[in-house]
Amino acid sequence: TDFDAAPDGAPSLTESGYPRITKRWVRGTD
């Protein structure tokens, strides 16, 4: 998704506006 901040410092979206980064999200965590 459009994460507020990407860990590598680059935008979390591509130039086309689609997600660039995938995270593994566990229920109940931030």
ModelCIF file with pLDDT and N, C-alpha, C, O atoms, coordinates in Angstrom:
data_MODEL
#
_entry.id   MODEL 
#
_entity.id                         1 
_entity.type                       polymer 
_entity.pdbx_number_of_molecules   1 
#
_entity_poly.entity_id                      1 
_entity_poly.type                           'polypeptide(L)' 
_entity_poly.nstd_linkage                   no 
_entity_poly.nstd_monomer                   no 
_entity_poly.pdbx_seq_one_letter_code       TDFDAAPDGAPSLTESGYPRITKRWVRGTD 
_entity_poly.pdbx_seq_one_letter_code_can   TDFDAAPDGAPSLTESGYPRITKRWVRGTD 
_entity_poly.pdbx_strand_id                 A 
#
loop_
_entity_poly_seq.entity_id 
_entity_poly_seq.num 
_entity_poly_seq.mon_id 
_entity_poly_seq.hetero 
1 1  THR n 
1 2  ASP n 
1 3  PHE n 
1 4  ASP n 
1 5  ALA n 
1 6  ALA n 
1 7  PRO n 
1 8  ASP n 
1 9  GLY n 
1 10 ALA n 
1 11 PRO n 
1 12 SER n 
1 13 LEU n 
1 14 THR n 
1 15 GLU n 
1 16 SER n 
1 17 GLY n 
1 18 TYR n 
1 19 PRO n 
1 20 ARG n 
1 21 ILE n 
1 22 THR n 
1 23 LYS n 
1 24 ARG n 
1 25 TRP n 
1 26 VAL n 
1 27 ARG n 
1 28 GLY n 
1 29 THR n 
1 30 ASP n 
#
_struct_asym.id          A 
_struct_asym.entity_id   1 
#
loop_
_ma_qa_metric.id 
_ma_qa_metric.mode 
_ma_qa_metric.name 
_ma_qa_metric.software_group_id 
_ma_qa_metric.type 
1 global pLDDT . pLDDT 
2 local  pLDDT . pLDDT 
#
_ma_qa_metric_global.metric_id      1 
_ma_qa_metric_global.metric_value   91.73 
_ma_qa_metric_global.model_id       1 
_ma_qa_metric_global.ordinal_id     1 
#
loop_
_ma_qa_metric_local.label_asym_id 
_ma_qa_metric_local.label_comp_id 
_ma_qa_metric_local.label_seq_id 
_ma_qa_metric_local.metric_id 
_ma_qa_metric_local.metric_value 
_ma_qa_metric_local.model_id 
_ma_qa_metric_local.ordinal_id 
A THR 1  2 96.00 1 1  
A ASP 2  2 95.00 1 2  
A PHE 3  2 93.00 1 3  
A ASP 4  2 83.00 1 4  
A ALA 5  2 75.00 1 5  
A ALA 6  2 76.00 1 6  
A PRO 7  2 78.00 1 7  
A ASP 8  2 78.00 1 8  
A GLY 9  2 82.00 1 9  
A ALA 10 2 89.00 1 10 
A PRO 11 2 92.00 1 11 
A SER 12 2 93.00 1 12 
A LEU 13 2 95.00 1 13 
A THR 14 2 95.00 1 14 
A GLU 15 2 93.00 1 15 
A SER 16 2 93.00 1 16 
A GLY 17 2 93.00 1 17 
A TYR 18 2 95.00 1 18 
A PRO 19 2 96.00 1 19 
A ARG 20 2 96.00 1 20 
A ILE 21 2 96.00 1 21 
A THR 22 2 97.00 1 22 
A LYS 23 2 97.00 1 23 
A ARG 24 2 97.00 1 24 
A TRP 25 2 98.00 1 25 
A VAL 26 2 98.00 1 26 
A ARG 27 2 97.00 1 27 
A GLY 28 2 95.00 1 28 
A THR 29 2 96.00 1 29 
A ASP 30 2 95.00 1 30 
#
loop_
_atom_site.group_PDB 
_atom_site.id 
_atom_site.type_symbol 
_atom_site.label_atom_id 
_atom_site.label_alt_id 
_atom_site.label_comp_id 
_atom_site.label_asym_id 
_atom_site.label_entity_id 
_atom_site.label_seq_id 
_atom_site.pdbx_PDB_ins_code 
_atom_site.Cartn_x 
_atom_site.Cartn_y 
_atom_site.Cartn_z 
_atom_site.occupancy 
_atom_site.B_iso_or_equiv 
_atom_site.pdbx_formal_charge 
_atom_site.auth_seq_id 
_atom_site.auth_comp_id 
_atom_site.auth_asym_id 
_atom_site.auth_atom_id 
_atom_site.pdbx_PDB_model_num 
ATOM 1   N N  . THR A 1 1  ? 0.843  -1.185 0.000   1.00 96.00 ? 1  THR A N  1 
ATOM 2   C CA . THR A 1 1  ? 0.000  0.000  0.000   1.00 96.00 ? 1  THR A CA 1 
ATOM 3   C C  . THR A 1 1  ? 0.878  1.235  0.000   1.00 96.00 ? 1  THR A C  1 
ATOM 4   O O  . THR A 1 1  ? 2.093  1.142  -0.171  1.00 96.00 ? 1  THR A O  1 
ATOM 5   N N  . ASP A 1 2  ? 0.264  2.386  0.191   1.00 95.00 ? 2  ASP A N  1 
ATOM 6   C CA . ASP A 1 2  ? 1.007  3.639  0.257   1.00 95.00 ? 2  ASP A CA 1 
ATOM 7   C C  . ASP A 1 2  ? 1.438  3.850  1.708   1.00 95.00 ? 2  ASP A C  1 
ATOM 8   O O  . ASP A 1 2  ? 0.779  4.551  2.476   1.00 95.00 ? 2  ASP A O  1 
ATOM 9   N N  . PHE A 1 3  ? 2.562  3.226  2.060   1.00 93.00 ? 3  PHE A N  1 
ATOM 10  C CA . PHE A 1 3  ? 3.053  3.335  3.430   1.00 93.00 ? 3  PHE A CA 1 
ATOM 11  C C  . PHE A 1 3  ? 3.532  4.760  3.705   1.00 93.00 ? 3  PHE A C  1 
ATOM 12  O O  . PHE A 1 3  ? 4.047  5.446  2.822   1.00 93.00 ? 3  PHE A O  1 
ATOM 13  N N  . ASP A 1 4  ? 3.347  5.179  4.953   1.00 83.00 ? 4  ASP A N  1 
ATOM 14  C CA . ASP A 1 4  ? 3.775  6.532  5.325   1.00 83.00 ? 4  ASP A CA 1 
ATOM 15  C C  . ASP A 1 4  ? 5.269  6.721  5.115   1.00 83.00 ? 4  ASP A C  1 
ATOM 16  O O  . ASP A 1 4  ? 5.716  7.795  4.713   1.00 83.00 ? 4  ASP A O  1 
ATOM 17  N N  . ALA A 1 5  ? 6.031  5.686  5.385   1.00 75.00 ? 5  ALA A N  1 
ATOM 18  C CA . ALA A 1 5  ? 7.479  5.775  5.224   1.00 75.00 ? 5  ALA A CA 1 
ATOM 19  C C  . ALA A 1 5  ? 8.005  4.423  4.777   1.00 75.00 ? 5  ALA A C  1 
ATOM 20  O O  . ALA A 1 5  ? 7.685  3.400  5.383   1.00 75.00 ? 5  ALA A O  1 
ATOM 21  N N  . ALA A 1 6  ? 8.814  4.408  3.717   1.00 76.00 ? 6  ALA A N  1 
ATOM 22  C CA . ALA A 1 6  ? 9.426  3.179  3.238   1.00 76.00 ? 6  ALA A CA 1 
ATOM 23  C C  . ALA A 1 6  ? 10.755 2.973  3.943   1.00 76.00 ? 6  ALA A C  1 
ATOM 24  O O  . ALA A 1 6  ? 11.524 3.923  4.093   1.00 76.00 ? 6  ALA A O  1 
ATOM 25  N N  . PRO A 1 7  ? 11.043 1.753  4.378   1.00 78.00 ? 7  PRO A N  1 
ATOM 26  C CA . PRO A 1 7  ? 12.278 1.505  5.131   1.00 78.00 ? 7  PRO A CA 1 
ATOM 27  C C  . PRO A 1 7  ? 13.547 1.888  4.378   1.00 78.00 ? 7  PRO A C  1 
ATOM 28  O O  . PRO A 1 7  ? 14.541 2.270  4.997   1.00 78.00 ? 7  PRO A O  1 
ATOM 29  N N  . ASP A 1 8  ? 13.524 1.791  3.035   1.00 78.00 ? 8  ASP A N  1 
ATOM 30  C CA . ASP A 1 8  ? 14.736 2.115  2.285   1.00 78.00 ? 8  ASP A CA 1 
ATOM 31  C C  . ASP A 1 8  ? 14.825 3.581  1.907   1.00 78.00 ? 8  ASP A C  1 
ATOM 32  O O  . ASP A 1 8  ? 15.748 3.984  1.199   1.00 78.00 ? 8  ASP A O  1 
ATOM 33  N N  . GLY A 1 9  ? 13.870 4.390  2.373   1.00 82.00 ? 9  GLY A N  1 
ATOM 34  C CA . GLY A 1 9  ? 13.918 5.820  2.120   1.00 82.00 ? 9  GLY A CA 1 
ATOM 35  C C  . GLY A 1 9  ? 13.327 6.247  0.792   1.00 82.00 ? 9  GLY A C  1 
ATOM 36  O O  . GLY A 1 9  ? 13.094 7.437  0.581   1.00 82.00 ? 9  GLY A O  1 
ATOM 37  N N  . ALA A 1 10 ? 13.079 5.303  -0.112  1.00 89.00 ? 10 ALA A N  1 
ATOM 38  C CA . ALA A 1 10 ? 12.465 5.623  -1.397  1.00 89.00 ? 10 ALA A CA 1 
ATOM 39  C C  . ALA A 1 10 ? 10.945 5.631  -1.257  1.00 89.00 ? 10 ALA A C  1 
ATOM 40  O O  . ALA A 1 10 ? 10.425 5.131  -0.259  1.00 89.00 ? 10 ALA A O  1 
ATOM 41  N N  . PRO A 1 11 ? 10.219 6.184  -2.231  1.00 92.00 ? 11 PRO A N  1 
ATOM 42  C CA . PRO A 1 11 ? 8.752  6.174  -2.154  1.00 92.00 ? 11 PRO A CA 1 
ATOM 43  C C  . PRO A 1 11 ? 8.215  4.743  -2.061  1.00 92.00 ? 11 PRO A C  1 
ATOM 44  O O  . PRO A 1 11 ? 8.803  3.813  -2.614  1.00 92.00 ? 11 PRO A O  1 
ATOM 45  N N  . SER A 1 12 ? 7.100  4.582  -1.362  1.00 93.00 ? 12 SER A N  1 
ATOM 46  C CA . SER A 1 12 ? 6.522  3.248  -1.220  1.00 93.00 ? 12 SER A CA 1 
ATOM 47  C C  . SER A 1 12 ? 5.703  2.853  -2.438  1.00 93.00 ? 12 SER A C  1 
ATOM 48  O O  . SER A 1 12 ? 5.328  1.690  -2.587  1.00 93.00 ? 12 SER A O  1 
ATOM 49  N N  . LEU A 1 13 ? 5.423  3.823  -3.316  1.00 95.00 ? 13 LEU A N  1 
ATOM 50  C CA . LEU A 1 13 ? 4.702  3.547  -4.555  1.00 95.00 ? 13 LEU A CA 1 
ATOM 51  C C  . LEU A 1 13 ? 5.647  3.695  -5.745  1.00 95.00 ? 13 LEU A C  1 
ATOM 52  O O  . LEU A 1 13 ? 6.651  4.405  -5.680  1.00 95.00 ? 13 LEU A O  1 
ATOM 53  N N  . THR A 1 14 ? 5.301  3.008  -6.827  1.00 95.00 ? 14 THR A N  1 
ATOM 54  C CA . THR A 1 14 ? 6.075  3.147  -8.053  1.00 95.00 ? 14 THR A CA 1 
ATOM 55  C C  . THR A 1 14 ? 5.681  4.433  -8.772  1.00 95.00 ? 14 THR A C  1 
ATOM 56  O O  . THR A 1 14 ? 4.742  5.119  -8.369  1.00 95.00 ? 14 THR A O  1 
ATOM 57  N N  . GLU A 1 15 ? 6.400  4.746  -9.826  1.00 93.00 ? 15 GLU A N  1 
ATOM 58  C CA . GLU A 1 15 ? 6.057  5.924  -10.619 1.00 93.00 ? 15 GLU A CA 1 
ATOM 59  C C  . GLU A 1 15 ? 4.675  5.805  -11.244 1.00 93.00 ? 15 GLU A C  1 
ATOM 60  O O  . GLU A 1 15 ? 4.062  6.811  -11.602 1.00 93.00 ? 15 GLU A O  1 
ATOM 61  N N  . SER A 1 16 ? 4.183  4.571  -11.375 1.00 93.00 ? 16 SER A N  1 
ATOM 62  C CA . SER A 1 16 ? 2.838  4.349  -11.918 1.00 93.00 ? 16 SER A CA 1 
ATOM 63  C C  . SER A 1 16 ? 1.751  4.444  -10.855 1.00 93.00 ? 16 SER A C  1 
ATOM 64  O O  . SER A 1 16 ? 0.563  4.373  -11.171 1.00 93.00 ? 16 SER A O  1 
ATOM 65  N N  . GLY A 1 17 ? 2.158  4.607  -9.584  1.00 93.00 ? 17 GLY A N  1 
ATOM 66  C CA . GLY A 1 17 ? 1.190  4.772  -8.511  1.00 93.00 ? 17 GLY A CA 1 
ATOM 67  C C  . GLY A 1 17 ? 0.728  3.490  -7.865  1.00 93.00 ? 17 GLY A C  1 
ATOM 68  O O  . GLY A 1 17 ? -0.264 3.492  -7.137  1.00 93.00 ? 17 GLY A O  1 
ATOM 69  N N  . TYR A 1 18 ? 1.434  2.373  -8.114  1.00 95.00 ? 18 TYR A N  1 
ATOM 70  C CA . TYR A 1 18 ? 1.061  1.091  -7.530  1.00 95.00 ? 18 TYR A CA 1 
ATOM 71  C C  . TYR A 1 18 ? 2.072  0.700  -6.449  1.00 95.00 ? 18 TYR A C  1 
ATOM 72  O O  . TYR A 1 18 ? 3.186  1.223  -6.429  1.00 95.00 ? 18 TYR A O  1 
ATOM 73  N N  . PRO A 1 19 ? 1.691  -0.223 -5.545  1.00 96.00 ? 19 PRO A N  1 
ATOM 74  C CA . PRO A 1 19 ? 2.603  -0.586 -4.449  1.00 96.00 ? 19 PRO A CA 1 
ATOM 75  C C  . PRO A 1 19 ? 3.950  -1.118 -4.953  1.00 96.00 ? 19 PRO A C  1 
ATOM 76  O O  . PRO A 1 19 ? 4.018  -1.878 -5.919  1.00 96.00 ? 19 PRO A O  1 
ATOM 77  N N  . ARG A 1 20 ? 5.002  -0.697 -4.275  1.00 96.00 ? 20 ARG A N  1 
ATOM 78  C CA . ARG A 1 20 ? 6.366  -1.160 -4.566  1.00 96.00 ? 20 ARG A CA 1 
ATOM 79  C C  . ARG A 1 20 ? 6.857  -2.109 -3.493  1.00 96.00 ? 20 ARG A C  1 
ATOM 80  O O  . ARG A 1 20 ? 7.709  -2.958 -3.753  1.00 96.00 ? 20 ARG A O  1 
ATOM 81  N N  . ILE A 1 21 ? 6.323  -1.971 -2.282  1.00 96.00 ? 21 ILE A N  1 
ATOM 82  C CA . ILE A 1 21 ? 6.808  -2.700 -1.113  1.00 96.00 ? 21 ILE A CA 1 
ATOM 83  C C  . ILE A 1 21 ? 5.697  -3.588 -0.566  1.00 96.00 ? 21 ILE A C  1 
ATOM 84  O O  . ILE A 1 21 ? 4.543  -3.167 -0.480  1.00 96.00 ? 21 ILE A O  1 
ATOM 85  N N  . THR A 1 22 ? 6.049  -4.812 -0.199  1.00 97.00 ? 22 THR A N  1 
ATOM 86  C CA . THR A 1 22 ? 5.109  -5.720 0.457   1.00 97.00 ? 22 THR A CA 1 
ATOM 87  C C  . THR A 1 22 ? 5.610  -6.041 1.858   1.00 97.00 ? 22 THR A C  1 
ATOM 88  O O  . THR A 1 22 ? 6.775  -6.385 2.055   1.00 97.00 ? 22 THR A O  1 
ATOM 89  N N  . LYS A 1 23 ? 4.708  -5.922 2.825   1.00 97.00 ? 23 LYS A N  1 
ATOM 90  C CA . LYS A 1 23 ? 5.021  -6.265 4.209   1.00 97.00 ? 23 LYS A CA 1 
ATOM 91  C C  . LYS A 1 23 ? 4.206  -7.478 4.646   1.00 97.00 ? 23 LYS A C  1 
ATOM 92  O O  . LYS A 1 23 ? 3.141  -7.773 4.103   1.00 97.00 ? 23 LYS A O  1 
ATOM 93  N N  . ARG A 1 24 ? 4.742  -8.161 5.638   1.00 97.00 ? 24 ARG A N  1 
ATOM 94  C CA . ARG A 1 24 ? 4.037  -9.276 6.282   1.00 97.00 ? 24 ARG A CA 1 
ATOM 95  C C  . ARG A 1 24 ? 3.457  -8.724 7.583   1.00 97.00 ? 24 ARG A C  1 
ATOM 96  O O  . ARG A 1 24 ? 4.194  -8.405 8.516   1.00 97.00 ? 24 ARG A O  1 
ATOM 97  N N  . TRP A 1 25 ? 2.140  -8.616 7.632   1.00 98.00 ? 25 TRP A N  1 
ATOM 98  C CA . TRP A 1 25 ? 1.461  -7.936 8.733   1.00 98.00 ? 25 TRP A CA 1 
ATOM 99  C C  . TRP A 1 25 ? 0.728  -8.965 9.595   1.00 98.00 ? 25 TRP A C  1 
ATOM 100 O O  . TRP A 1 25 ? -0.138 -9.694 9.111   1.00 98.00 ? 25 TRP A O  1 
ATOM 101 N N  . VAL A 1 26 ? 1.085  -9.012 10.869  1.00 98.00 ? 26 VAL A N  1 
ATOM 102 C CA . VAL A 1 26 ? 0.479  -9.933 11.820  1.00 98.00 ? 26 VAL A CA 1 
ATOM 103 C C  . VAL A 1 26 ? -0.615 -9.210 12.595  1.00 98.00 ? 26 VAL A C  1 
ATOM 104 O O  . VAL A 1 26 ? -0.446 -8.065 13.015  1.00 98.00 ? 26 VAL A O  1 
ATOM 105 N N  . ARG A 1 27 ? -1.712 -9.881 12.772  1.00 97.00 ? 27 ARG A N  1 
ATOM 106 C CA . ARG A 1 27 ? -2.856 -9.303 13.490  1.00 97.00 ? 27 ARG A CA 1 
ATOM 107 C C  . ARG A 1 27 ? -2.420 -8.768 14.856  1.00 97.00 ? 27 ARG A C  1 
ATOM 108 O O  . ARG A 1 27 ? -1.656 -9.400 15.585  1.00 97.00 ? 27 ARG A O  1 
ATOM 109 N N  . GLY A 1 28 ? -2.937 -7.577 15.170  1.00 95.00 ? 28 GLY A N  1 
ATOM 110 C CA . GLY A 1 28 ? -2.670 -6.987 16.475  1.00 95.00 ? 28 GLY A CA 1 
ATOM 111 C C  . GLY A 1 28 ? -1.381 -6.197 16.566  1.00 95.00 ? 28 GLY A C  1 
ATOM 112 O O  . GLY A 1 28 ? -1.073 -5.637 17.618  1.00 95.00 ? 28 GLY A O  1 
ATOM 113 N N  . THR A 1 29 ? -0.611 -6.140 15.469  1.00 96.00 ? 29 THR A N  1 
ATOM 114 C CA . THR A 1 29 ? 0.630  -5.364 15.478  1.00 96.00 ? 29 THR A CA 1 
ATOM 115 C C  . THR A 1 29 ? 0.462  -4.117 14.630  1.00 96.00 ? 29 THR A C  1 
ATOM 116 O O  . THR A 1 29 ? -0.485 -4.001 13.853  1.00 96.00 ? 29 THR A O  1 
ATOM 117 N N  . ASP A 1 30 ? 1.384  -3.198 14.786  1.00 95.00 ? 30 ASP A N  1 
ATOM 118 C CA . ASP A 1 30 ? 1.353  -1.944 14.036  1.00 95.00 ? 30 ASP A CA 1 
ATOM 119 C C  . ASP A 1 30 ? 1.896  -2.183 12.634  1.00 95.00 ? 30 ASP A C  1 
ATOM 120 O O  . ASP A 1 30 ? 1.960  -1.254 11.830  1.00 95.00 ? 30 ASP A O  1 
#
